[in-house]
Amino acid sequence: MSLTIPDARRNASPYLYGREAASVARVLEAGQFGHTDLTAEFERRIAAYLGVPDVVAVSSGTAALLATGIGLGDEVIVPSMTFCATVQAIRAVGAAPRFIDVDPATLCVTPQLVVDAVTDDTAAVLPVLFGGRAVDLSSLREDLAERGVVVIEDAAHAFGSHCGSEHVGADVTALTCFSFGPVKNLTCGQGGAVIPRTPEEAAAVRRLRMLGVTQSQSERAETTSYQVEGFGLRYQLSSINAAIGLAQFDHFDATVRSRRHLWRAYSDALDALEGVTLVDVDVDHTVPHLCQVRVLHRDHVFAHLRARNIGVGVHYPPNHLQPAFARWTRDLPATERVSREILSLPFHQHLTEADVHRVVTALGHALKATGGP
C-alpha cells in the first residue's frame, strides 16, 4: 500500500521516524497494555531530559488541578485564547474560569495581565504557553505564593522549549502539564505528563491517575490485595502510548531542528508580504508548535486559501465568547481583536521549503484578492 506524504494541504500532521509501529507491536505481543515498566521508563527519560526529579505520565492534565485541591468555589485565571480543553479542565474540578486578555504580539498572558485579574477567590493561575513560547511569571512568584495562588502551566504546545536557561517544566514553583497528542512536538498518540513540584505532589498525581490505588500493576500482581487511598480516575498512560513516545524521543533533537528551521523559513518568506504580522514565538528558545499570522479580512483569506488546497486553520476561537462559558464572559478587547485576525499556516515536519514558499505565495494572492495591500 502506498502512503501519501502530507504536504501543505494539511494544517498539522504527526511525523513518525520509522520505529513507532515496531515498538507498538512489541507491546501488543507482550500482552500488557496498561501502565507498565515501559511507561515508567518513558517518565524517567523525560525527567532526565528536562532536568527534573520526577515526571508523572497521564492521559489527562486534569489530574494536575485535582492534585492541588482546586475545586468548587475556586477561581482560576486563564487566557480565553486557548483550546477549550484548558477551560474544560477547570470546569471538570468544579472551579470557575476568570478569563484574561493576552499580548497581541505573542498570544500569551503577561505578568501585568495576571496581577490585574487576581481576586480574593483566585486559587490558581493557568498560563498557556501558546505556540510553544514560554511564559515567565517569575516576577510574581512571591506575591502569588503569599496569596496561596498556585501556578499551573498549560505547556501542551511547549515540550522542549526553554524559559531562560531552563527547560519549560523545570521551574519548581509551578506545576507544568505537557501534551503528547497526535500533532504535538513529541507524540505518544495521546496522553501527556505532569511535572510535579514536590514528591508529595507526585504521589498525589500518581494516586489520582489510577483510581486512588497506590500500588503499580506489577506490585499488585504479587499480592492478594491492594489499597485505595482516596479519590481517583483512570488517567494512566498506557504502555502502547509510552512505546510511541519512546520511539519518538530517540529523535527529538531532529524534531527541534526541523521545527525551528521550518518556522524560520516561514519568517524569511513572509518578510516580502505587506499586511501580514507574524506571531512571535521567540524561536531561539522555543520548539514551535504553530506558525501563525495576523491578517485583515481573515475569514475571506481563510476561504480563499482553503479553496486552493492550502491547509490553513484557526487556533483558536476565544472561549469567553463560547456558549458553554457565557456565564464567565468578560470584555477582552485584545483577544477579540486578534481572534478575528489569526490564521495558522500549515506547520508540520513533512513540509519542505518549497511547500513554505507555495503557502506564502498563495497567501500573498489571497491578500490582494480580498482587499489587502
Protein backbone atom coordinates (compact mmCIF):
# COMPACT_ATOMS: atom_id res chain seq x y z
CA MET A 1 0.00 0.00 0.00
CA SER A 2 1.43 3.38 -0.99
CA LEU A 3 1.22 6.20 1.51
CA THR A 4 0.56 9.82 0.58
CA ILE A 5 3.03 12.09 2.36
CA PRO A 6 1.22 15.08 3.89
CA ASP A 7 2.01 18.45 2.34
CA ALA A 8 0.62 21.99 2.53
CA ARG A 9 -2.91 20.66 2.19
CA ARG A 10 -2.66 19.55 5.82
CA ASN A 11 -2.53 22.12 8.62
CA ALA A 12 -0.88 19.68 11.01
CA SER A 13 0.24 16.06 10.84
CA PRO A 14 2.13 13.58 13.02
CA TYR A 15 5.72 12.90 11.95
CA LEU A 16 6.95 9.36 12.52
CA TYR A 17 10.58 8.31 12.40
CA GLY A 18 10.01 4.68 11.44
CA ARG A 19 10.31 2.68 14.68
CA GLU A 20 6.98 3.58 16.24
CA ALA A 21 4.97 0.73 14.66
CA ALA A 22 7.50 -1.92 15.68
CA SER A 23 7.58 -0.53 19.22
CA VAL A 24 3.79 -0.79 19.48
CA ALA A 25 3.86 -4.29 18.01
CA ARG A 26 6.21 -5.44 20.76
CA VAL A 27 3.79 -4.15 23.39
CA LEU A 28 0.87 -5.90 21.70
CA GLU A 29 2.81 -9.15 21.53
CA ALA A 30 3.70 -8.87 25.24
CA GLY A 31 0.01 -8.62 26.11
CA GLN A 32 0.41 -5.89 28.75
CA PHE A 33 -1.24 -2.69 27.55
CA GLY A 34 -1.76 -0.72 30.76
CA HIS A 35 0.72 1.22 32.87
CA THR A 36 3.86 -0.95 32.83
CA ASP A 37 7.60 -0.62 33.24
CA LEU A 38 7.65 0.90 29.75
CA THR A 39 5.56 3.82 31.00
CA ALA A 40 7.95 4.23 33.92
CA GLU A 41 10.90 4.24 31.52
CA PHE A 42 9.23 6.97 29.48
CA GLU A 43 8.78 9.01 32.67
CA ARG A 44 12.45 8.59 33.61
CA ARG A 45 13.70 9.66 30.19
CA ILE A 46 11.50 12.75 30.11
CA ALA A 47 12.64 13.69 33.63
CA ALA A 48 16.32 13.33 32.66
CA TYR A 49 15.80 15.47 29.56
CA LEU A 50 14.04 18.25 31.47
CA GLY A 51 16.43 18.06 34.42
CA VAL A 52 13.66 17.48 36.96
CA PRO A 53 13.35 14.93 39.79
CA ASP A 54 10.09 13.37 38.65
CA VAL A 55 7.57 13.14 35.82
CA VAL A 56 4.12 11.55 36.04
CA ALA A 57 2.71 10.36 32.73
CA VAL A 58 -1.06 10.76 32.48
CA SER A 59 -3.88 10.55 29.98
CA SER A 60 -5.38 13.86 31.15
CA GLY A 61 -3.85 17.01 32.58
CA THR A 62 -6.96 17.47 34.72
CA ALA A 63 -5.05 15.35 37.23
CA ALA A 64 -2.83 18.37 37.92
CA LEU A 65 -5.74 20.53 39.06
CA LEU A 66 -7.13 17.70 41.18
CA ALA A 67 -3.74 17.17 42.85
CA THR A 68 -3.59 20.78 44.01
CA GLY A 69 -7.00 20.57 45.63
CA ILE A 70 -8.61 23.19 43.39
CA GLY A 71 -12.37 22.75 43.35
CA LEU A 72 -15.79 24.20 44.00
CA GLY A 73 -15.79 27.92 44.74
CA ASP A 74 -12.24 28.44 43.47
CA GLU A 75 -11.34 30.79 40.67
CA VAL A 76 -8.68 30.01 38.09
CA ILE A 77 -7.16 32.79 35.99
CA VAL A 78 -6.83 31.60 32.39
CA PRO A 79 -6.48 33.26 28.99
CA SER A 80 -9.52 33.00 26.75
CA MET A 81 -7.12 32.46 23.85
CA THR A 82 -6.56 28.72 24.21
CA PHE A 83 -8.09 25.43 23.16
CA CYS A 84 -11.31 24.75 25.06
CA ALA A 85 -9.67 21.74 26.78
CA THR A 86 -7.87 24.15 29.13
CA VAL A 87 -11.13 25.63 30.32
CA GLN A 88 -12.95 22.31 30.46
CA ALA A 89 -10.29 21.03 32.88
CA ILE A 90 -11.10 23.94 35.20
CA ARG A 91 -14.80 23.17 34.97
CA ALA A 92 -14.18 19.44 35.49
CA VAL A 93 -12.92 20.08 39.03
CA GLY A 94 -15.80 22.43 39.82
CA ALA A 95 -13.76 25.64 39.66
CA ALA A 96 -14.65 28.78 37.69
CA PRO A 97 -12.54 30.35 34.93
CA ARG A 98 -11.62 34.02 35.20
CA PHE A 99 -10.72 34.88 31.64
CA ILE A 100 -7.95 37.36 30.93
CA ASP A 101 -6.54 39.04 27.85
CA VAL A 102 -3.28 38.31 26.02
CA ASP A 103 -0.44 40.26 24.47
CA PRO A 104 -1.41 40.51 20.77
CA ALA A 105 2.23 40.07 19.70
CA THR A 106 2.64 36.68 21.39
CA LEU A 107 -0.92 35.49 22.18
CA CYS A 108 0.37 34.81 25.72
CA VAL A 109 -0.51 36.35 29.07
CA THR A 110 1.82 38.84 30.75
CA PRO A 111 2.60 39.35 34.46
CA GLN A 112 0.64 42.60 34.46
CA LEU A 113 -2.46 40.99 32.96
CA VAL A 114 -2.29 38.31 35.64
CA VAL A 115 -1.82 40.78 38.52
CA ASP A 116 -4.76 42.86 37.34
CA ALA A 117 -7.02 39.79 37.40
CA VAL A 118 -6.19 38.30 40.82
CA THR A 119 -9.04 38.41 43.34
CA ASP A 120 -9.60 37.03 46.84
CA ASP A 121 -11.17 33.95 45.23
CA THR A 122 -8.21 33.18 42.97
CA ALA A 123 -6.76 29.74 43.71
CA ALA A 124 -4.63 29.26 40.58
CA VAL A 125 -3.17 30.92 37.53
CA LEU A 126 -3.13 28.79 34.40
CA PRO A 127 -0.89 30.46 31.79
CA VAL A 128 -0.98 28.92 28.31
CA LEU A 129 2.39 28.64 26.54
CA PHE A 130 0.86 29.46 23.19
CA GLY A 131 2.62 28.08 20.14
CA GLY A 132 5.37 26.74 22.42
CA ARG A 133 6.53 30.11 23.78
CA ALA A 134 7.43 30.18 27.48
CA VAL A 135 5.54 32.50 29.85
CA ASP A 136 7.76 33.97 32.55
CA LEU A 137 5.79 34.81 35.70
CA SER A 138 8.85 34.76 37.98
CA SER A 139 8.31 38.42 38.91
CA LEU A 140 5.01 37.39 40.53
CA ARG A 141 6.33 34.32 42.32
CA GLU A 142 6.48 35.72 45.86
CA ASP A 143 3.24 37.67 45.62
CA LEU A 144 1.28 34.68 44.29
CA ALA A 145 2.79 32.38 46.91
CA GLU A 146 1.81 34.78 49.71
CA ARG A 147 -1.75 34.76 48.40
CA GLY A 148 -1.76 30.95 48.22
CA VAL A 149 -2.16 31.01 44.44
CA VAL A 150 -0.62 28.08 42.57
CA VAL A 151 0.73 28.37 39.01
CA ILE A 152 -0.20 25.50 36.69
CA GLU A 153 1.39 25.84 33.26
CA ASP A 154 -0.56 24.63 30.25
CA ALA A 155 2.52 23.68 28.25
CA ALA A 156 0.64 21.48 25.79
CA HIS A 157 2.44 23.25 22.92
CA ALA A 158 5.80 23.66 24.62
CA PHE A 159 7.68 20.42 25.17
CA GLY A 160 11.37 21.13 24.54
CA SER A 161 11.05 24.91 24.82
CA HIS A 162 13.11 26.98 27.26
CA CYS A 163 12.36 29.72 29.76
CA GLY A 164 15.71 31.46 30.08
CA SER A 165 18.35 28.78 30.52
CA GLU A 166 15.93 26.13 31.87
CA HIS A 167 13.59 23.82 30.04
CA VAL A 168 9.92 24.60 30.39
CA GLY A 169 8.86 22.32 33.24
CA ALA A 170 11.99 22.83 35.33
CA ASP A 171 10.59 25.71 37.42
CA VAL A 172 9.96 24.17 40.84
CA THR A 173 7.44 26.88 41.73
CA ALA A 174 4.98 25.82 39.01
CA LEU A 175 3.17 22.64 38.07
CA THR A 176 3.61 22.00 34.35
CA CYS A 177 1.37 19.96 32.06
CA PHE A 178 2.61 18.70 28.69
CA SER A 179 0.53 17.15 25.93
CA PHE A 180 1.84 14.33 23.77
CA GLY A 181 -1.20 14.25 21.49
CA PRO A 182 -1.19 13.35 17.79
CA VAL A 183 0.36 16.52 16.35
CA LYS A 184 2.45 17.77 19.27
CA ASN A 185 6.23 18.27 19.16
CA LEU A 186 6.59 14.83 20.76
CA THR A 187 3.69 12.46 20.19
CA CYS A 188 2.59 9.41 22.14
CA GLY A 189 -0.59 9.21 20.05
CA GLN A 190 -2.48 10.52 23.08
CA GLY A 191 -1.70 11.48 26.66
CA GLY A 192 0.72 13.78 28.38
CA ALA A 193 2.68 14.35 31.56
CA VAL A 194 2.55 16.38 34.76
CA ILE A 195 5.77 17.82 36.21
CA PRO A 196 5.14 17.99 39.97
CA ARG A 197 6.74 20.49 42.34
CA THR A 198 7.29 18.12 45.26
CA PRO A 199 7.43 14.38 45.99
CA GLU A 200 4.10 14.72 47.78
CA GLU A 201 2.52 16.26 44.70
CA ALA A 202 3.97 13.48 42.53
CA ALA A 203 2.46 10.88 44.84
CA ALA A 204 -0.90 12.66 44.70
CA VAL A 205 -0.95 12.68 40.89
CA ARG A 206 0.03 9.01 40.81
CA ARG A 207 -2.87 8.13 43.13
CA LEU A 208 -5.30 10.17 41.09
CA ARG A 209 -4.29 8.67 37.76
CA MET A 210 -5.00 5.11 38.95
CA LEU A 211 -8.33 5.30 40.75
CA GLY A 212 -6.67 6.07 44.08
CA VAL A 213 -4.71 2.81 44.07
CA THR A 214 -1.16 3.25 45.30
CA GLN A 215 0.49 0.05 44.03
CA SER A 216 1.68 -0.33 40.46
CA GLN A 217 0.36 -3.04 38.16
CA SER A 218 3.44 -5.21 38.73
CA GLU A 219 3.19 -4.76 42.51
CA ARG A 220 -0.50 -5.70 42.53
CA ALA A 221 0.28 -8.88 40.61
CA GLU A 222 2.45 -10.11 43.51
CA THR A 223 -0.10 -9.68 46.29
CA THR A 224 -3.61 -10.71 47.23
CA SER A 225 -4.79 -7.18 47.93
CA TYR A 226 -4.17 -3.51 47.27
CA GLN A 227 -5.05 -0.16 48.85
CA VAL A 228 -7.34 2.58 47.59
CA GLU A 229 -6.24 5.69 49.46
CA GLY A 230 -8.61 8.29 48.07
CA PHE A 231 -10.45 9.65 45.07
CA GLY A 232 -9.03 8.80 41.69
CA LEU A 233 -9.76 8.40 37.99
CA ARG A 234 -8.38 6.24 35.21
CA TYR A 235 -5.80 8.70 33.93
CA GLN A 236 -2.75 6.47 33.45
CA LEU A 237 -0.71 6.50 30.23
CA SER A 238 -0.80 3.09 28.55
CA SER A 239 2.34 1.22 27.55
CA ILE A 240 1.17 1.46 23.92
CA ASN A 241 1.34 5.23 24.11
CA ALA A 242 4.63 5.12 26.04
CA ALA A 243 6.15 2.90 23.33
CA ILE A 244 5.31 5.51 20.68
CA GLY A 245 6.70 8.27 22.88
CA LEU A 246 9.99 6.46 23.49
CA ALA A 247 10.48 5.82 19.78
CA GLN A 248 9.79 9.50 19.12
CA PHE A 249 12.04 10.69 21.91
CA ASP A 250 15.09 8.99 20.38
CA HIS A 251 14.83 11.55 17.55
CA PHE A 252 13.71 14.61 19.47
CA ASP A 253 16.86 16.61 18.66
CA ALA A 254 15.98 16.24 14.98
CA THR A 255 12.43 17.39 15.76
CA VAL A 256 13.74 20.55 17.42
CA ARG A 257 15.98 21.38 14.45
CA SER A 258 13.26 20.66 11.91
CA ARG A 259 10.56 22.74 13.58
CA ARG A 260 12.82 25.71 14.16
CA HIS A 261 14.10 25.55 10.57
CA LEU A 262 10.56 25.44 9.22
CA TRP A 263 9.41 28.38 11.35
CA ARG A 264 12.41 30.46 10.27
CA ALA A 265 11.73 29.59 6.62
CA TYR A 266 8.23 30.97 7.02
CA SER A 267 9.57 34.07 8.80
CA ASP A 268 12.00 34.80 5.96
CA ALA A 269 9.41 34.22 3.24
CA LEU A 270 6.75 36.34 4.96
CA ASP A 271 9.09 39.36 5.07
CA ALA A 272 8.18 40.01 1.43
CA LEU A 273 4.47 40.39 2.20
CA GLU A 274 2.71 43.54 3.37
CA GLY A 275 -0.31 43.36 5.61
CA VAL A 276 0.90 40.27 7.48
CA THR A 277 2.04 40.16 11.11
CA LEU A 278 3.85 37.01 12.22
CA VAL A 279 3.06 35.96 15.80
CA ASP A 280 6.40 35.91 17.63
CA VAL A 281 7.26 32.58 19.30
CA ASP A 282 10.82 33.54 20.37
CA VAL A 283 12.13 30.76 18.14
CA ASP A 284 15.65 30.71 19.65
CA HIS A 285 14.15 29.44 22.92
CA THR A 286 11.10 27.65 21.55
CA VAL A 287 10.26 24.41 19.79
CA PRO A 288 7.43 25.87 17.70
CA HIS A 289 4.11 24.08 17.63
CA LEU A 290 2.35 26.59 15.38
CA CYS A 291 3.16 29.23 12.80
CA GLN A 292 0.53 31.95 12.97
CA VAL A 293 -0.02 35.24 11.22
CA ARG A 294 -2.46 38.07 11.73
CA VAL A 295 -4.24 39.45 8.67
CA LEU A 296 -7.19 41.70 7.94
CA HIS A 297 -10.25 40.13 6.35
CA ARG A 298 -9.16 36.83 7.90
CA ASP A 299 -12.33 34.89 7.11
CA HIS A 300 -12.09 35.79 3.41
CA VAL A 301 -8.36 35.00 3.31
CA PHE A 302 -9.08 31.67 5.02
CA ALA A 303 -11.77 30.74 2.48
CA HIS A 304 -9.55 31.81 -0.44
CA LEU A 305 -6.66 29.62 0.72
CA ARG A 306 -8.78 26.60 1.62
CA ALA A 307 -10.33 26.73 -1.85
CA ARG A 308 -6.79 26.41 -3.23
CA ASN A 309 -5.87 23.41 -1.08
CA ILE A 310 -3.79 25.34 1.43
CA GLY A 311 -4.47 23.83 4.85
CA VAL A 312 -4.82 26.94 6.96
CA GLY A 313 -6.58 26.79 10.31
CA VAL A 314 -7.61 28.99 13.23
CA HIS A 315 -6.18 28.44 16.72
CA TYR A 316 -8.44 29.27 18.50
CA PRO A 317 -11.92 30.77 18.71
CA PRO A 318 -11.90 32.62 22.06
CA ASN A 319 -13.51 30.78 24.95
CA HIS A 320 -15.13 33.72 26.70
CA LEU A 321 -17.46 34.02 23.70
CA GLN A 322 -18.41 30.33 23.68
CA PRO A 323 -21.95 29.39 24.81
CA ALA A 324 -20.56 26.85 27.30
CA PHE A 325 -18.67 29.59 29.17
CA ALA A 326 -21.04 32.53 28.70
CA ARG A 327 -21.51 32.79 32.45
CA TRP A 328 -17.90 33.95 32.83
CA THR A 329 -17.62 36.21 29.80
CA ARG A 330 -15.70 39.48 30.20
CA ASP A 331 -14.59 42.34 27.98
CA LEU A 332 -11.26 41.21 26.45
CA PRO A 333 -10.51 43.66 23.64
CA ALA A 334 -7.09 42.34 22.57
CA THR A 335 -8.31 38.74 22.46
CA GLU A 336 -11.40 39.69 20.47
CA ARG A 337 -9.33 41.70 18.00
CA VAL A 338 -6.69 39.06 17.36
CA SER A 339 -9.31 36.30 17.23
CA ARG A 340 -10.66 37.98 14.10
CA GLU A 341 -7.19 38.13 12.55
CA ILE A 342 -5.23 34.99 13.45
CA LEU A 343 -4.52 32.38 10.82
CA SER A 344 -2.47 29.23 11.38
CA LEU A 345 -0.34 28.31 8.37
CA PRO A 346 0.39 24.64 7.56
CA PHE A 347 3.06 23.57 10.03
CA HIS A 348 4.40 20.03 10.31
CA GLN A 349 7.67 18.25 9.65
CA HIS A 350 6.62 16.78 6.32
CA LEU A 351 6.73 20.27 4.78
CA THR A 352 9.59 21.36 2.54
CA GLU A 353 10.86 24.86 1.86
CA ALA A 354 9.08 24.61 -1.50
CA ASP A 355 5.84 24.00 0.40
CA VAL A 356 6.52 27.05 2.56
CA HIS A 357 7.01 29.26 -0.50
CA ARG A 358 3.86 27.86 -2.07
CA VAL A 359 1.88 28.75 1.06
CA VAL A 360 3.33 32.25 1.31
CA THR A 361 2.80 32.93 -2.41
CA ALA A 362 -0.81 31.80 -2.10
CA LEU A 363 -1.23 33.99 0.98
CA GLY A 364 0.02 36.98 -0.99
CA HIS A 365 -2.53 36.29 -3.73
CA ALA A 366 -5.27 35.88 -1.14
CA LEU A 367 -4.45 39.23 0.47
CA LYS A 368 -4.68 41.00 -2.88
CA ALA A 369 -7.90 39.19 -3.81
CA THR A 370 -9.55 40.16 -0.52
CA GLY A 371 -8.59 43.81 -0.46
CA GLY A 372 -5.23 43.65 1.30
CA PRO A 373 -2.05 45.57 0.38
